[in-house]
PDB file of N, CA and C in Angstrom:
ATOM      1  N   MET A   1      35.781 -50.102 -37.426  1.00  0.00           N
ATOM      2  CA  MET A   1      35.169 -48.783 -37.384  1.00  0.00           C
ATOM      3  C   MET A   1      34.452 -48.459 -38.692  1.00  0.00           C
ATOM      4  N   ASP A   2      35.000 -48.959 -39.808  1.00  0.00           N
ATOM      5  CA  ASP A   2      34.379 -48.692 -41.098  1.00  0.00           C
ATOM      6  C   ASP A   2      32.985 -49.303 -41.182  1.00  0.00           C
ATOM      7  N   ASN A   3      32.820 -50.484 -40.596  1.00  0.00           N
ATOM      8  CA  ASN A   3      31.504 -51.126 -40.612  1.00  0.00           C
ATOM      9  C   ASN A   3      30.478 -50.327 -39.826  1.00  0.00           C
ATOM     10  N   LEU A   4      30.929 -49.668 -38.761  1.00  0.00           N
ATOM     11  CA  LEU A   4      30.020 -48.838 -37.972  1.00  0.00           C
ATOM     12  C   LEU A   4      29.455 -47.699 -38.819  1.00  0.00           C
ATOM     13  N   TRP A   5      30.282 -47.080 -39.652  1.00  0.00           N
ATOM     14  CA  TRP A   5      29.823 -46.002 -40.524  1.00  0.00           C
ATOM     15  C   TRP A   5      28.827 -46.515 -41.554  1.00  0.00           C
ATOM     16  N   LEU A   6      29.078 -47.698 -42.077  1.00  0.00           N
ATOM     17  CA  LEU A   6      28.156 -48.275 -43.055  1.00  0.00           C
ATOM     18  C   LEU A   6      26.814 -48.626 -42.410  1.00  0.00           C
ATOM     19  N   ILE A   7      26.863 -49.135 -41.194  1.00  0.00           N
ATOM     20  CA  ILE A   7      25.617 -49.435 -40.470  1.00  0.00           C
ATOM     21  C   ILE A   7      24.861 -48.149 -40.176  1.00  0.00           C
ATOM     22  N   LEU A   8      25.564 -47.107 -39.771  1.00  0.00           N
ATOM     23  CA  LEU A   8      24.925 -45.813 -39.505  1.00  0.00           C
ATOM     24  C   LEU A   8      24.275 -45.259 -40.772  1.00  0.00           C
ATOM     25  N   THR A   9      24.954 -45.381 -41.891  1.00  0.00           N
ATOM     26  CA  THR A   9      24.405 -44.928 -43.169  1.00  0.00           C
ATOM     27  C   THR A   9      23.118 -45.678 -43.500  1.00  0.00           C
ATOM     28  N   GLY A  10      23.139 -46.986 -43.349  1.00  0.00           N
ATOM     29  CA  GLY A  10      21.940 -47.792 -43.613  1.00  0.00           C
ATOM     30  C   GLY A  10      20.802 -47.451 -42.676  1.00  0.00           C
ATOM     31  N   LEU A  11      21.116 -47.214 -41.413  1.00  0.00           N
ATOM     32  CA  LEU A  11      20.087 -46.869 -40.433  1.00  0.00           C
ATOM     33  C   LEU A  11      19.426 -45.533 -40.767  1.00  0.00           C
ATOM     34  N   ILE A  12      20.225 -44.551 -41.124  1.00  0.00           N
ATOM     35  CA  ILE A  12      19.668 -43.241 -41.480  1.00  0.00           C
ATOM     36  C   ILE A  12      18.802 -43.347 -42.733  1.00  0.00           C
ATOM     37  N   ALA A  13      19.269 -44.070 -43.736  1.00  0.00           N
ATOM     38  CA  ALA A  13      18.482 -44.257 -44.955  1.00  0.00           C
ATOM     39  C   ALA A  13      17.172 -44.973 -44.653  1.00  0.00           C
ATOM     40  N   TYR A  14      17.225 -45.982 -43.793  1.00  0.00           N
ATOM     41  CA  TYR A  14      16.015 -46.715 -43.411  1.00  0.00           C
ATOM     42  C   TYR A  14      15.023 -45.794 -42.701  1.00  0.00           C
ATOM     43  N   LEU A  15      15.512 -44.993 -41.777  1.00  0.00           N
ATOM     44  CA  LEU A  15      14.629 -44.092 -41.028  1.00  0.00           C
ATOM     45  C   LEU A  15      13.995 -43.044 -41.944  1.00  0.00           C
ATOM     46  N   LEU A  16      14.758 -42.511 -42.872  1.00  0.00           N
ATOM     47  CA  LEU A  16      14.181 -41.560 -43.826  1.00  0.00           C
ATOM     48  C   LEU A  16      13.122 -42.228 -44.698  1.00  0.00           C
ATOM     49  N   GLY A  17      13.390 -43.433 -45.139  1.00  0.00           N
ATOM     50  CA  GLY A  17      12.443 -44.156 -45.977  1.00  0.00           C
ATOM     51  C   GLY A  17      11.194 -44.585 -45.241  1.00  0.00           C
ATOM     52  N   SER A  18      11.270 -44.669 -43.933  1.00  0.00           N
ATOM     53  CA  SER A  18      10.112 -45.121 -43.168  1.00  0.00           C
ATOM     54  C   SER A  18       9.109 -44.006 -42.877  1.00  0.00           C
ATOM     55  N   ILE A  19       9.419 -42.795 -43.260  1.00  0.00           N
ATOM     56  CA  ILE A  19       8.470 -41.689 -43.075  1.00  0.00           C
ATOM     57  C   ILE A  19       7.341 -41.864 -44.088  1.00  0.00           C
ATOM     58  N   PRO A  20       6.101 -42.019 -43.625  1.00  0.00           N
ATOM     59  CA  PRO A  20       4.977 -42.277 -44.545  1.00  0.00           C
ATOM     60  C   PRO A  20       4.458 -40.984 -45.177  1.00  0.00           C
ATOM     61  N   THR A  21       5.129 -40.553 -46.217  1.00  0.00           N
ATOM     62  CA  THR A  21       4.813 -39.272 -46.847  1.00  0.00           C
ATOM     63  C   THR A  21       3.366 -39.196 -47.312  1.00  0.00           C
ATOM     64  N   ALA A  22       2.883 -40.231 -47.977  1.00  0.00           N
ATOM     65  CA  ALA A  22       1.509 -40.223 -48.491  1.00  0.00           C
ATOM     66  C   ALA A  22       0.507 -40.093 -47.347  1.00  0.00           C
ATOM     67  N   PHE A  23       0.739 -40.810 -46.275  1.00  0.00           N
ATOM     68  CA  PHE A  23      -0.142 -40.716 -45.117  1.00  0.00           C
ATOM     69  C   PHE A  23      -0.169 -39.299 -44.576  1.00  0.00           C
ATOM     70  N   LEU A  24       1.007 -38.697 -44.410  1.00  0.00           N
ATOM     71  CA  LEU A  24       1.080 -37.353 -43.847  1.00  0.00           C
ATOM     72  C   LEU A  24       0.410 -36.314 -44.746  1.00  0.00           C
ATOM     73  N   VAL A  25       0.622 -36.424 -46.052  1.00  0.00           N
ATOM     74  CA  VAL A  25       0.038 -35.455 -46.990  1.00  0.00           C
ATOM     75  C   VAL A  25      -1.489 -35.548 -46.985  1.00  0.00           C
ATOM     76  N   VAL A  26      -2.013 -36.762 -47.107  1.00  0.00           N
ATOM     77  CA  VAL A  26      -3.469 -36.929 -47.167  1.00  0.00           C
ATOM     78  C   VAL A  26      -4.113 -36.582 -45.833  1.00  0.00           C
ATOM     79  N   ARG A  27      -3.492 -36.972 -44.726  1.00  0.00           N
ATOM     80  CA  ARG A  27      -4.054 -36.664 -43.409  1.00  0.00           C
ATOM     81  C   ARG A  27      -4.118 -35.159 -43.189  1.00  0.00           C
ATOM     82  N   LYS A  28      -3.065 -34.452 -43.585  1.00  0.00           N
ATOM     83  CA  LYS A  28      -3.031 -32.992 -43.382  1.00  0.00           C
ATOM     84  C   LYS A  28      -3.998 -32.275 -44.326  1.00  0.00           C
ATOM     85  N   ALA A  29      -4.060 -32.699 -45.586  1.00  0.00           N
ATOM     86  CA  ALA A  29      -4.860 -31.983 -46.583  1.00  0.00           C
ATOM     87  C   ALA A  29      -6.346 -32.323 -46.506  1.00  0.00           C
ATOM     88  N   LYS A  30      -6.661 -33.604 -46.308  1.00  0.00           N
ATOM     89  CA  LYS A  30      -8.057 -34.028 -46.395  1.00  0.00           C
ATOM     90  C   LYS A  30      -8.598 -34.655 -45.114  1.00  0.00           C
ATOM     91  N   GLY A  31      -7.738 -34.944 -44.168  1.00  0.00           N
ATOM     92  CA  GLY A  31      -8.177 -35.572 -42.926  1.00  0.00           C
ATOM     93  C   GLY A  31      -8.605 -37.024 -43.104  1.00  0.00           C
ATOM     94  N   LYS A  32      -8.129 -37.668 -44.165  1.00  0.00           N
ATOM     95  CA  LYS A  32      -8.481 -39.058 -44.446  1.00  0.00           C
ATOM     96  C   LYS A  32      -7.313 -39.977 -44.115  1.00  0.00           C
ATOM     97  N   ALA A  33      -7.637 -41.250 -43.956  1.00  0.00           N
ATOM     98  CA  ALA A  33      -6.608 -42.276 -43.818  1.00  0.00           C
ATOM     99  C   ALA A  33      -6.414 -42.894 -45.195  1.00  0.00           C
ATOM    100  N   VAL A  34      -5.264 -42.664 -45.804  1.00  0.00           N
ATOM    101  CA  VAL A  34      -5.032 -43.056 -47.191  1.00  0.00           C
ATOM    102  C   VAL A  34      -5.100 -44.571 -47.380  1.00  0.00           C
ATOM    103  N   TRP A  35      -4.753 -45.342 -46.364  1.00  0.00           N
ATOM    104  CA  TRP A  35      -4.759 -46.800 -46.512  1.00  0.00           C
ATOM    105  C   TRP A  35      -6.173 -47.378 -46.496  1.00  0.00           C
ATOM    106  N   LEU A  36      -7.158 -46.569 -46.120  1.00  0.00           N
ATOM    107  CA  LEU A  36      -8.551 -47.015 -46.156  1.00  0.00           C
ATOM    108  C   LEU A  36      -9.245 -46.636 -47.460  1.00  0.00           C
ATOM    109  N   GLU A  37      -8.551 -45.936 -48.332  1.00  0.00           N
ATOM    110  CA  GLU A  37      -9.108 -45.458 -49.593  1.00  0.00           C
ATOM    111  C   GLU A  37      -8.415 -46.151 -50.763  1.00  0.00           C
ATOM    112  N   GLY A  38      -9.028 -46.112 -51.923  1.00  0.00           N
ATOM    113  CA  GLY A  38      -8.403 -46.607 -53.151  1.00  0.00           C
ATOM    114  C   GLY A  38      -7.914 -48.033 -53.041  1.00  0.00           C
ATOM    115  N   SER A  39      -6.632 -48.238 -53.361  1.00  0.00           N
ATOM    116  CA  SER A  39      -6.048 -49.578 -53.360  1.00  0.00           C
ATOM    117  C   SER A  39      -5.637 -50.037 -51.964  1.00  0.00           C
ATOM    118  N   GLY A  40      -5.608 -49.129 -51.012  1.00  0.00           N
ATOM    119  CA  GLY A  40      -5.172 -49.463 -49.660  1.00  0.00           C
ATOM    120  C   GLY A  40      -3.673 -49.315 -49.464  1.00  0.00           C
ATOM    121  N   ASN A  41      -2.970 -48.969 -50.520  1.00  0.00           N
ATOM    122  CA  ASN A  41      -1.529 -48.789 -50.465  1.00  0.00           C
ATOM    123  C   ASN A  41      -1.210 -47.370 -49.995  1.00  0.00           C
ATOM    124  N   VAL A  42      -0.152 -47.233 -49.210  1.00  0.00           N
ATOM    125  CA  VAL A  42       0.289 -45.903 -48.798  1.00  0.00           C
ATOM    126  C   VAL A  42       1.381 -45.476 -49.773  1.00  0.00           C
ATOM    127  N   GLY A  43       0.937 -45.011 -50.942  1.00  0.00           N
ATOM    128  CA  GLY A  43       1.876 -44.610 -51.980  1.00  0.00           C
ATOM    129  C   GLY A  43       1.341 -43.455 -52.794  1.00  0.00           C
ATOM    130  N   THR A  44       2.161 -42.982 -53.701  1.00  0.00           N
ATOM    131  CA  THR A  44       1.841 -41.794 -54.481  1.00  0.00           C
ATOM    132  C   THR A  44       0.577 -41.957 -55.315  1.00  0.00           C
ATOM    133  N   MET A  45       0.452 -43.056 -56.015  1.00  0.00           N
ATOM    134  CA  MET A  45      -0.725 -43.243 -56.875  1.00  0.00           C
ATOM    135  C   MET A  45      -2.006 -43.339 -56.062  1.00  0.00           C
ATOM    136  N   ASN A  46      -1.937 -43.927 -54.896  1.00  0.00           N
ATOM    137  CA  ASN A  46      -3.133 -44.029 -54.071  1.00  0.00           C
ATOM    138  C   ASN A  46      -3.538 -42.676 -53.484  1.00  0.00           C
ATOM    139  N   VAL A  47      -2.598 -41.752 -53.379  1.00  0.00           N
ATOM    140  CA  VAL A  47      -2.960 -40.391 -52.967  1.00  0.00           C
ATOM    141  C   VAL A  47      -3.928 -39.802 -53.989  1.00  0.00           C
ATOM    142  N   TYR A  48      -3.643 -40.027 -55.258  1.00  0.00           N
ATOM    143  CA  TYR A  48      -4.552 -39.540 -56.301  1.00  0.00           C
ATOM    144  C   TYR A  48      -5.895 -40.259 -56.234  1.00  0.00           C
ATOM    145  N   ARG A  49      -5.869 -41.568 -56.045  1.00  0.00           N
ATOM    146  CA  ARG A  49      -7.120 -42.323 -55.953  1.00  0.00           C
ATOM    147  C   ARG A  49      -7.958 -41.870 -54.767  1.00  0.00           C
ATOM    148  N   ALA A  50      -7.312 -41.591 -53.661  1.00  0.00           N
ATOM    149  CA  ALA A  50      -8.028 -41.238 -52.433  1.00  0.00           C
ATOM    150  C   ALA A  50      -8.538 -39.807 -52.444  1.00  0.00           C
ATOM    151  N   THR A  51      -7.794 -38.907 -53.111  1.00  0.00           N
ATOM    152  CA  THR A  51      -8.156 -37.493 -53.046  1.00  0.00           C
ATOM    153  C   THR A  51      -8.621 -36.921 -54.382  1.00  0.00           C
ATOM    154  N   GLY A  52      -8.207 -37.512 -55.484  1.00  0.00           N
ATOM    155  CA  GLY A  52      -8.528 -36.970 -56.794  1.00  0.00           C
ATOM    156  C   GLY A  52      -7.724 -35.722 -57.127  1.00  0.00           C
ATOM    157  N   SER A  53      -6.684 -35.444 -56.367  1.00  0.00           N
ATOM    158  CA  SER A  53      -5.897 -34.225 -56.536  1.00  0.00           C
ATOM    159  C   SER A  53      -4.524 -34.535 -57.125  1.00  0.00           C
ATOM    160  N   LEU A  54      -4.272 -33.978 -58.304  1.00  0.00           N
ATOM    161  CA  LEU A  54      -2.946 -34.118 -58.903  1.00  0.00           C
ATOM    162  C   LEU A  54      -1.892 -33.359 -58.108  1.00  0.00           C
ATOM    163  N   TRP A  55      -2.288 -32.254 -57.484  1.00  0.00           N
ATOM    164  CA  TRP A  55      -1.353 -31.462 -56.693  1.00  0.00           C
ATOM    165  C   TRP A  55      -0.851 -32.248 -55.488  1.00  0.00           C
ATOM    166  N   LEU A  56      -1.758 -32.930 -54.800  1.00  0.00           N
ATOM    167  CA  LEU A  56      -1.334 -33.727 -53.647  1.00  0.00           C
ATOM    168  C   LEU A  56      -0.488 -34.920 -54.083  1.00  0.00           C
ATOM    169  N   MET A  57      -0.835 -35.504 -55.235  1.00  0.00           N
ATOM    170  CA  MET A  57      -0.040 -36.603 -55.761  1.00  0.00           C
ATOM    171  C   MET A  57       1.373 -36.114 -56.088  1.00  0.00           C
ATOM    172  N   ALA A  58       1.473 -34.960 -56.742  1.00  0.00           N
ATOM    173  CA  ALA A  58       2.782 -34.408 -57.092  1.00  0.00           C
ATOM    174  C   ALA A  58       3.582 -34.038 -55.842  1.00  0.00           C
ATOM    175  N   LEU A  59       2.917 -33.491 -54.840  1.00  0.00           N
ATOM    176  CA  LEU A  59       3.589 -33.156 -53.587  1.00  0.00           C
ATOM    177  C   LEU A  59       4.153 -34.413 -52.926  1.00  0.00           C
ATOM    178  N   THR A  60       3.382 -35.479 -52.928  1.00  0.00           N
ATOM    179  CA  THR A  60       3.841 -36.745 -52.353  1.00  0.00           C
ATOM    180  C   THR A  60       5.033 -37.286 -53.135  1.00  0.00           C
ATOM    181  N   LEU A  61       4.954 -37.238 -54.452  1.00  0.00           N
ATOM    182  CA  LEU A  61       6.046 -37.727 -55.293  1.00  0.00           C
ATOM    183  C   LEU A  61       7.326 -36.936 -55.052  1.00  0.00           C
ATOM    184  N   VAL A  62       7.219 -35.625 -55.012  1.00  0.00           N
ATOM    185  CA  VAL A  62       8.401 -34.780 -54.794  1.00  0.00           C
ATOM    186  C   VAL A  62       8.979 -35.016 -53.393  1.00  0.00           C
ATOM    187  N   ALA A  63       8.111 -35.164 -52.409  1.00  0.00           N
ATOM    188  CA  ALA A  63       8.587 -35.422 -51.047  1.00  0.00           C
ATOM    189  C   ALA A  63       9.291 -36.771 -50.960  1.00  0.00           C
ATOM    190  N   ASP A  64       8.756 -37.790 -51.620  1.00  0.00           N
ATOM    191  CA  ASP A  64       9.405 -39.104 -51.618  1.00  0.00           C
ATOM    192  C   ASP A  64      10.752 -39.058 -52.333  1.00  0.00           C
ATOM    193  N   MET A  65      10.810 -38.338 -53.437  1.00  0.00           N
ATOM    194  CA  MET A  65      12.085 -38.197 -54.143  1.00  0.00           C
ATOM    195  C   MET A  65      13.075 -37.402 -53.298  1.00  0.00           C
ATOM    196  N   GLY A  66      12.572 -36.416 -52.573  1.00  0.00           N
ATOM    197  CA  GLY A  66      13.437 -35.641 -51.680  1.00  0.00           C
ATOM    198  C   GLY A  66      14.007 -36.486 -50.555  1.00  0.00           C
ATOM    199  N   LYS A  67      13.196 -37.403 -50.024  1.00  0.00           N
ATOM    200  CA  LYS A  67      13.697 -38.312 -48.986  1.00  0.00           C
ATOM    201  C   LYS A  67      14.825 -39.172 -49.533  1.00  0.00           C
ATOM    202  N   ALA A  68      14.661 -39.673 -50.745  1.00  0.00           N
ATOM    203  CA  ALA A  68      15.699 -40.505 -51.357  1.00  0.00           C
ATOM    204  C   ALA A  68      16.971 -39.692 -51.604  1.00  0.00           C
ATOM    205  N   ALA A  69      16.810 -38.482 -52.101  1.00  0.00           N
ATOM    206  CA  ALA A  69      17.971 -37.628 -52.361  1.00  0.00           C
ATOM    207  C   ALA A  69      18.686 -37.281 -51.052  1.00  0.00           C
ATOM    208  N   LEU A  70      17.925 -37.008 -50.011  1.00  0.00           N
ATOM    209  CA  LEU A  70      18.530 -36.700 -48.712  1.00  0.00           C
ATOM    210  C   LEU A  70      19.276 -37.911 -48.164  1.00  0.00           C
ATOM    211  N   ALA A  71      18.713 -39.096 -48.321  1.00  0.00           N
ATOM    212  CA  ALA A  71      19.396 -40.309 -47.860  1.00  0.00           C
ATOM    213  C   ALA A  71      20.720 -40.493 -48.597  1.00  0.00           C
ATOM    214  N   LEU A  72      20.716 -40.259 -49.902  1.00  0.00           N
ATOM    215  CA  LEU A  72      21.961 -40.381 -50.676  1.00  0.00           C
ATOM    216  C   LEU A  72      22.980 -39.322 -50.277  1.00  0.00           C
ATOM    217  N   TYR A  73      22.502 -38.114 -50.034  1.00  0.00           N
ATOM    218  CA  TYR A  73      23.391 -37.029 -49.628  1.00  0.00           C
ATOM    219  C   TYR A  73      24.038 -37.335 -48.275  1.00  0.00           C
ATOM    220  N   VAL A  74      23.231 -37.752 -47.320  1.00  0.00           N
ATOM    221  CA  VAL A  74      23.749 -38.084 -45.991  1.00  0.00           C
ATOM    222  C   VAL A  74      24.720 -39.261 -46.080  1.00  0.00           C
ATOM    223  N   ALA A  75      24.388 -40.253 -46.897  1.00  0.00           N
ATOM    224  CA  ALA A  75      25.283 -41.394 -47.073  1.00  0.00           C
ATOM    225  C   ALA A  75      26.622 -40.937 -47.652  1.00  0.00           C
ATOM    226  N   GLY A  76      26.572 -40.020 -48.587  1.00  0.00           N
ATOM    227  CA  GLY A  76      27.805 -39.488 -49.156  1.00  0.00           C
ATOM    228  C   GLY A  76      28.643 -38.748 -48.124  1.00  0.00           C
ATOM    229  N   LEU A  77      27.982 -37.956 -47.297  1.00  0.00           N
ATOM    230  CA  LEU A  77      28.712 -37.235 -46.245  1.00  0.00           C
ATOM    231  C   LEU A  77      29.352 -38.197 -45.251  1.00  0.00           C
ATOM    232  N   ILE A  78      28.594 -39.191 -44.834  1.00  0.00           N
ATOM    233  CA  ILE A  78      29.109 -40.133 -43.841  1.00  0.00           C
ATOM    234  C   ILE A  78      30.257 -40.951 -44.411  1.00  0.00           C
ATOM    235  N   THR A  79      30.082 -41.466 -45.600  1.00  0.00           N
ATOM    236  CA  THR A  79      31.133 -42.317 -46.162  1.00  0.00           C
ATOM    237  C   THR A  79      32.375 -41.505 -46.541  1.00  0.00           C
ATOM    238  N   ASP A  80      32.192 -40.272 -46.981  1.00  0.00           N
ATOM    239  CA  ASP A  80      33.361 -39.442 -47.290  1.00  0.00           C
ATOM    240  C   ASP A  80      34.152 -39.142 -46.036  1.00  0.00           C
ATOM    241  N   SER A  81      33.471 -38.827 -44.932  1.00  0.00           N
ATOM    242  CA  SER A  81      34.191 -38.522 -43.696  1.00  0.00           C
ATOM    243  C   SER A  81      34.769 -39.789 -43.089  1.00  0.00           C
ATOM    244  N   ALA A  82      34.091 -40.918 -43.268  1.00  0.00           N
ATOM    245  CA  ALA A  82      34.574 -42.158 -42.668  1.00  0.00           C
ATOM    246  C   ALA A  82      35.764 -42.737 -43.421  1.00  0.00           C
ATOM    247  N   PHE A  83      35.768 -42.593 -44.743  1.00  0.00           N
ATOM    248  CA  PHE A  83      36.810 -43.218 -45.541  1.00  0.00           C
ATOM    249  C   PHE A  83      37.832 -42.203 -46.074  1.00  0.00           C
ATOM    250  N   GLY A  84      37.690 -40.933 -45.637  1.00  0.00           N
ATOM    251  CA  GLY A  84      38.682 -39.923 -45.954  1.00  0.00           C
ATOM    252  C   GLY A  84      38.826 -39.555 -47.406  1.00  0.00           C
ATOM    253  N   GLN A  85      37.713 -39.505 -48.126  1.00  0.00           N
ATOM    254  CA  GLN A  85      37.806 -39.169 -49.559  1.00  0.00           C
ATOM    255  C   GLN A  85      37.369 -37.782 -49.812  1.00  0.00           C
TER     256      GLN A  85
END
């Protein structure tokens, strides 16, 4: 049963990490496809290259950090309830 909780934790973290924040920010703000601009990477720095906006770059960075923090928080909740700590 403990392995099931660990697999669930990994799955949730993977799903959160798979949300393409840079794509969503640039598509909503500028209507562009970020992977067709700049370096072609769907990442924070390419948001700046594609849009020239520090605000959109910062929004992407904060959203990506928020996804990581949420994944860690959820992992903590799952493992604490699974292992009784």
